[in-house]
């Protein structure tokens, strides 16, 4: 519990007598309001050039490929760190490359 008066007032206003059922009803109403706003069509009064669709496609493709490369790089680095941590050579054993003379 915090000791400042704002924190107590804030908790009393927004959680006093509020059960999980009340919160769920509030969330459902908010979701219904947002869905209603999104579902109601409105006039855009905008012109989309035929090339706009391909530009959007290229942007989304570049974004997806960039995110994929980011995760691939992160996965590679994490695997390398884990490999170094868990696959250490015992003190007296040389690696295969050192034994073959490479």
N, C-alpha and C. Protein backbone atom coordinates (compact mmCIF):
# COMPACT_ATOMS: atom_id res chain seq x y z
N UNK A 1 0.83 -1.19 0.00
CA UNK A 1 0.00 0.00 0.00
C UNK A 1 0.87 1.25 0.00
N UNK A 2 0.51 2.21 -0.79
CA UNK A 2 1.26 3.45 -0.79
C UNK A 2 0.72 4.36 0.31
N UNK A 3 1.54 5.31 0.68
CA UNK A 3 1.16 6.19 1.79
C UNK A 3 0.64 7.53 1.32
N UNK A 4 0.77 7.85 0.03
CA UNK A 4 0.30 9.16 -0.39
C UNK A 4 -1.21 9.16 -0.55
N UNK A 5 -1.80 10.34 -0.43
CA UNK A 5 -3.26 10.43 -0.45
C UNK A 5 -3.82 10.21 -1.85
N UNK A 6 -3.06 10.58 -2.89
CA UNK A 6 -3.57 10.39 -4.24
C UNK A 6 -3.75 8.91 -4.54
N UNK A 7 -2.78 8.09 -4.14
CA UNK A 7 -2.88 6.65 -4.40
C UNK A 7 -4.09 6.04 -3.72
N UNK A 8 -4.33 6.42 -2.47
CA UNK A 8 -5.50 5.89 -1.76
C UNK A 8 -6.78 6.37 -2.42
N UNK A 9 -6.83 7.65 -2.79
CA UNK A 9 -8.03 8.18 -3.43
C UNK A 9 -8.26 7.49 -4.76
N UNK A 10 -7.20 7.31 -5.53
CA UNK A 10 -7.31 6.66 -6.83
C UNK A 10 -7.84 5.24 -6.67
N UNK A 11 -7.29 4.49 -5.72
CA UNK A 11 -7.76 3.12 -5.50
C UNK A 11 -9.20 3.12 -5.03
N UNK A 12 -9.59 4.06 -4.18
CA UNK A 12 -10.97 4.09 -3.68
C UNK A 12 -11.94 4.41 -4.80
N UNK A 13 -11.56 5.33 -5.70
CA UNK A 13 -12.47 5.71 -6.77
C UNK A 13 -12.66 4.61 -7.78
N UNK A 14 -11.58 3.91 -8.13
CA UNK A 14 -11.64 2.97 -9.24
C UNK A 14 -11.76 1.52 -8.83
N UNK A 15 -11.54 1.17 -7.59
CA UNK A 15 -11.66 -0.22 -7.19
C UNK A 15 -12.60 -0.44 -6.03
N UNK A 16 -13.09 0.62 -5.43
CA UNK A 16 -13.98 0.48 -4.28
C UNK A 16 -15.28 -0.18 -4.72
N UNK A 17 -15.60 -1.33 -4.18
CA UNK A 17 -16.84 -2.03 -4.51
C UNK A 17 -16.84 -2.62 -5.91
N UNK A 18 -15.72 -2.64 -6.56
CA UNK A 18 -15.64 -3.12 -7.94
C UNK A 18 -15.16 -4.57 -7.92
N UNK A 19 -15.99 -5.45 -8.39
CA UNK A 19 -15.62 -6.87 -8.43
C UNK A 19 -15.12 -7.21 -9.82
N UNK A 20 -14.62 -8.43 -9.96
CA UNK A 20 -14.12 -8.88 -11.27
C UNK A 20 -15.25 -8.90 -12.29
N UNK A 21 -16.46 -9.22 -11.86
CA UNK A 21 -17.60 -9.23 -12.79
C UNK A 21 -17.87 -7.83 -13.34
N UNK A 22 -17.76 -6.80 -12.48
CA UNK A 22 -17.96 -5.43 -12.94
C UNK A 22 -16.89 -5.04 -13.95
N UNK A 23 -15.65 -5.44 -13.69
CA UNK A 23 -14.58 -5.13 -14.63
C UNK A 23 -14.81 -5.82 -15.97
N UNK A 24 -15.26 -7.07 -15.93
CA UNK A 24 -15.52 -7.80 -17.18
C UNK A 24 -16.63 -7.14 -17.98
N UNK A 25 -17.67 -6.66 -17.30
CA UNK A 25 -18.77 -5.98 -17.99
C UNK A 25 -18.25 -4.70 -18.62
N UNK A 26 -17.41 -3.97 -17.90
CA UNK A 26 -16.84 -2.74 -18.44
C UNK A 26 -15.99 -3.01 -19.66
N UNK A 27 -15.19 -4.06 -19.62
CA UNK A 27 -14.35 -4.41 -20.77
C UNK A 27 -15.21 -4.83 -21.95
N UNK A 28 -16.27 -5.57 -21.69
CA UNK A 28 -17.16 -6.01 -22.77
C UNK A 28 -17.85 -4.81 -23.42
N UNK A 29 -18.26 -3.84 -22.62
CA UNK A 29 -18.89 -2.63 -23.17
C UNK A 29 -17.90 -1.83 -24.00
N UNK A 30 -16.68 -1.71 -23.52
CA UNK A 30 -15.66 -0.99 -24.28
C UNK A 30 -15.37 -1.70 -25.60
N UNK A 31 -15.27 -3.02 -25.56
CA UNK A 31 -15.02 -3.79 -26.77
C UNK A 31 -16.18 -3.62 -27.76
N UNK A 32 -17.42 -3.65 -27.25
CA UNK A 32 -18.58 -3.47 -28.11
C UNK A 32 -18.59 -2.08 -28.73
N UNK A 33 -18.21 -1.06 -27.97
CA UNK A 33 -18.16 0.30 -28.49
C UNK A 33 -17.12 0.42 -29.60
N UNK A 34 -15.94 -0.12 -29.37
CA UNK A 34 -14.88 -0.06 -30.39
C UNK A 34 -15.28 -0.85 -31.63
N UNK A 35 -15.87 -2.03 -31.44
CA UNK A 35 -16.31 -2.83 -32.59
C UNK A 35 -17.40 -2.10 -33.37
N UNK A 36 -18.30 -1.42 -32.66
CA UNK A 36 -19.34 -0.66 -33.34
C UNK A 36 -18.79 0.49 -34.15
N UNK A 37 -17.80 1.17 -33.62
CA UNK A 37 -17.20 2.28 -34.35
C UNK A 37 -16.46 1.78 -35.58
N UNK A 38 -15.76 0.66 -35.45
CA UNK A 38 -15.02 0.12 -36.58
C UNK A 38 -15.96 -0.46 -37.63
N UNK A 39 -17.07 -1.07 -37.20
CA UNK A 39 -17.97 -1.75 -38.13
C UNK A 39 -18.84 -0.80 -38.93
N UNK A 40 -19.08 0.39 -38.43
CA UNK A 40 -19.97 1.34 -39.13
C UNK A 40 -19.18 1.98 -40.27
N UNK A 41 -19.65 1.79 -41.51
CA UNK A 41 -18.92 2.37 -42.63
C UNK A 41 -19.09 3.88 -42.68
N UNK A 42 -18.07 4.54 -43.16
CA UNK A 42 -18.15 5.99 -43.36
C UNK A 42 -17.45 6.32 -44.66
N UNK A 43 -17.81 7.44 -45.25
CA UNK A 43 -17.20 7.86 -46.51
C UNK A 43 -15.79 8.38 -46.24
N UNK A 44 -14.84 7.94 -47.06
CA UNK A 44 -13.45 8.35 -46.86
C UNK A 44 -13.12 9.60 -47.66
N UNK A 45 -13.78 9.80 -48.80
CA UNK A 45 -13.48 10.93 -49.69
C UNK A 45 -11.99 10.99 -50.01
N UNK A 46 -11.43 9.84 -50.36
CA UNK A 46 -10.01 9.77 -50.67
C UNK A 46 -9.83 9.00 -51.97
N UNK A 47 -8.75 9.29 -52.66
CA UNK A 47 -8.43 8.61 -53.91
C UNK A 47 -7.19 7.78 -53.70
N UNK A 48 -7.28 6.51 -54.10
CA UNK A 48 -6.11 5.64 -54.04
C UNK A 48 -5.67 5.32 -55.46
N UNK A 49 -4.50 5.75 -55.79
CA UNK A 49 -3.90 5.49 -57.08
C UNK A 49 -3.67 3.99 -57.23
N UNK A 50 -3.72 3.42 -58.40
CA UNK A 50 -3.48 1.99 -58.57
C UNK A 50 -2.11 1.54 -58.04
N UNK A 51 -1.13 2.41 -58.07
CA UNK A 51 0.20 2.06 -57.57
C UNK A 51 0.27 2.04 -56.05
N UNK A 52 -0.74 2.58 -55.38
CA UNK A 52 -0.73 2.63 -53.92
C UNK A 52 -0.79 1.23 -53.32
N UNK A 53 -1.58 0.36 -53.94
CA UNK A 53 -1.70 -1.01 -53.45
C UNK A 53 -0.37 -1.74 -53.49
N UNK A 54 0.35 -1.58 -54.60
CA UNK A 54 1.65 -2.25 -54.69
C UNK A 54 2.66 -1.64 -53.72
N UNK A 55 2.55 -0.34 -53.46
CA UNK A 55 3.45 0.28 -52.49
C UNK A 55 3.17 -0.26 -51.08
N UNK A 56 1.90 -0.42 -50.75
CA UNK A 56 1.54 -0.99 -49.45
C UNK A 56 2.05 -2.43 -49.36
N UNK A 57 1.89 -3.19 -50.45
CA UNK A 57 2.36 -4.58 -50.49
C UNK A 57 3.88 -4.64 -50.28
N UNK A 58 4.61 -3.78 -50.98
CA UNK A 58 6.06 -3.77 -50.83
C UNK A 58 6.49 -3.39 -49.41
N UNK A 59 5.79 -2.44 -48.82
CA UNK A 59 6.11 -2.02 -47.46
C UNK A 59 5.88 -3.15 -46.47
N UNK A 60 4.73 -3.82 -46.59
CA UNK A 60 4.44 -4.93 -45.69
C UNK A 60 5.42 -6.09 -45.89
N UNK A 61 5.78 -6.38 -47.13
CA UNK A 61 6.73 -7.44 -47.40
C UNK A 61 8.11 -7.11 -46.80
N UNK A 62 8.55 -5.86 -46.98
CA UNK A 62 9.84 -5.45 -46.42
C UNK A 62 9.80 -5.51 -44.89
N UNK A 63 8.68 -5.12 -44.30
CA UNK A 63 8.54 -5.17 -42.85
C UNK A 63 8.61 -6.62 -42.35
N UNK A 64 7.88 -7.52 -43.01
CA UNK A 64 7.90 -8.92 -42.60
C UNK A 64 9.28 -9.55 -42.77
N UNK A 65 9.95 -9.25 -43.87
CA UNK A 65 11.29 -9.80 -44.08
C UNK A 65 12.28 -9.22 -43.07
N UNK A 66 12.15 -7.94 -42.76
CA UNK A 66 13.02 -7.32 -41.77
C UNK A 66 12.84 -7.93 -40.39
N UNK A 67 11.60 -8.15 -40.00
CA UNK A 67 11.33 -8.77 -38.70
C UNK A 67 11.85 -10.20 -38.69
N UNK A 68 11.68 -10.91 -39.80
CA UNK A 68 12.19 -12.27 -39.89
C UNK A 68 13.71 -12.33 -39.76
N UNK A 69 14.39 -11.40 -40.42
CA UNK A 69 15.85 -11.36 -40.31
C UNK A 69 16.29 -10.96 -38.91
N UNK A 70 15.56 -10.08 -38.27
CA UNK A 70 15.88 -9.69 -36.90
C UNK A 70 15.80 -10.90 -35.97
N UNK A 71 14.70 -11.65 -36.06
CA UNK A 71 14.55 -12.82 -35.20
C UNK A 71 15.57 -13.91 -35.54
N UNK A 72 15.90 -14.05 -36.81
CA UNK A 72 16.92 -15.03 -37.19
C UNK A 72 18.27 -14.66 -36.58
N UNK A 73 18.64 -13.39 -36.65
CA UNK A 73 19.90 -12.94 -36.07
C UNK A 73 19.92 -13.12 -34.56
N UNK A 74 18.81 -12.78 -33.91
CA UNK A 74 18.73 -12.96 -32.46
C UNK A 74 18.82 -14.43 -32.09
N UNK A 75 18.14 -15.29 -32.84
CA UNK A 75 18.17 -16.72 -32.55
C UNK A 75 19.59 -17.26 -32.71
N UNK A 76 20.29 -16.81 -33.74
CA UNK A 76 21.66 -17.27 -33.98
C UNK A 76 22.57 -16.85 -32.83
N UNK A 77 22.43 -15.60 -32.37
CA UNK A 77 23.28 -15.12 -31.28
C UNK A 77 22.95 -15.84 -29.98
N UNK A 78 21.69 -16.06 -29.71
CA UNK A 78 21.29 -16.76 -28.48
C UNK A 78 21.80 -18.19 -28.51
N UNK A 79 21.68 -18.86 -29.66
CA UNK A 79 22.18 -20.23 -29.77
C UNK A 79 23.68 -20.29 -29.58
N UNK A 80 24.40 -19.29 -30.10
CA UNK A 80 25.86 -19.28 -29.94
C UNK A 80 26.23 -19.11 -28.46
N UNK A 81 25.54 -18.23 -27.76
CA UNK A 81 25.82 -18.03 -26.34
C UNK A 81 25.50 -19.29 -25.55
N UNK A 82 24.36 -19.90 -25.82
CA UNK A 82 24.00 -21.12 -25.11
C UNK A 82 24.96 -22.25 -25.43
N UNK A 83 25.41 -22.32 -26.68
CA UNK A 83 26.37 -23.35 -27.05
C UNK A 83 27.68 -23.17 -26.28
N UNK A 84 28.14 -21.91 -26.18
CA UNK A 84 29.36 -21.65 -25.42
C UNK A 84 29.20 -21.99 -23.95
N UNK A 85 28.02 -21.73 -23.40
CA UNK A 85 27.79 -21.98 -21.98
C UNK A 85 27.72 -23.47 -21.65
N UNK A 86 27.04 -24.24 -22.49
CA UNK A 86 26.75 -25.63 -22.15
C UNK A 86 27.62 -26.66 -22.84
N UNK A 87 28.44 -26.26 -23.79
CA UNK A 87 29.29 -27.23 -24.48
C UNK A 87 30.76 -26.86 -24.35
N UNK A 88 31.18 -26.63 -23.15
CA UNK A 88 32.59 -26.32 -22.91
C UNK A 88 33.41 -27.61 -22.94
N UNK A 89 34.62 -27.50 -23.47
CA UNK A 89 35.53 -28.65 -23.49
C UNK A 89 36.15 -28.82 -22.12
N UNK A 90 36.27 -30.07 -21.66
CA UNK A 90 37.01 -30.29 -20.41
C UNK A 90 38.46 -29.84 -20.58
N UNK A 91 39.16 -29.60 -19.49
CA UNK A 91 40.49 -28.97 -19.52
C UNK A 91 41.50 -29.73 -20.38
N UNK A 92 41.51 -31.05 -20.36
CA UNK A 92 42.55 -31.80 -21.05
C UNK A 92 42.21 -32.22 -22.46
N UNK A 93 41.02 -31.96 -22.95
CA UNK A 93 40.60 -32.46 -24.26
C UNK A 93 40.68 -31.34 -25.28
N UNK A 94 41.38 -31.59 -26.41
CA UNK A 94 41.48 -30.61 -27.46
C UNK A 94 40.30 -30.74 -28.42
N UNK A 95 40.02 -29.68 -29.14
CA UNK A 95 38.94 -29.74 -30.12
C UNK A 95 39.37 -30.54 -31.33
N UNK A 96 38.44 -30.92 -32.19
CA UNK A 96 38.75 -31.70 -33.39
C UNK A 96 39.66 -30.92 -34.34
N UNK A 97 39.43 -29.58 -34.44
CA UNK A 97 40.26 -28.76 -35.33
C UNK A 97 41.71 -28.72 -34.86
N UNK A 98 41.91 -28.67 -33.56
CA UNK A 98 43.28 -28.63 -33.04
C UNK A 98 43.97 -29.96 -33.25
N UNK A 99 43.23 -31.07 -33.18
CA UNK A 99 43.83 -32.38 -33.37
C UNK A 99 44.21 -32.63 -34.83
N UNK A 100 43.40 -32.12 -35.76
CA UNK A 100 43.67 -32.36 -37.16
C UNK A 100 44.71 -31.40 -37.73
N UNK A 101 45.12 -30.39 -36.97
CA UNK A 101 46.16 -29.48 -37.41
C UNK A 101 45.63 -28.26 -38.14
N UNK A 102 44.36 -27.99 -38.10
CA UNK A 102 43.81 -26.82 -38.81
C UNK A 102 44.00 -25.56 -38.02
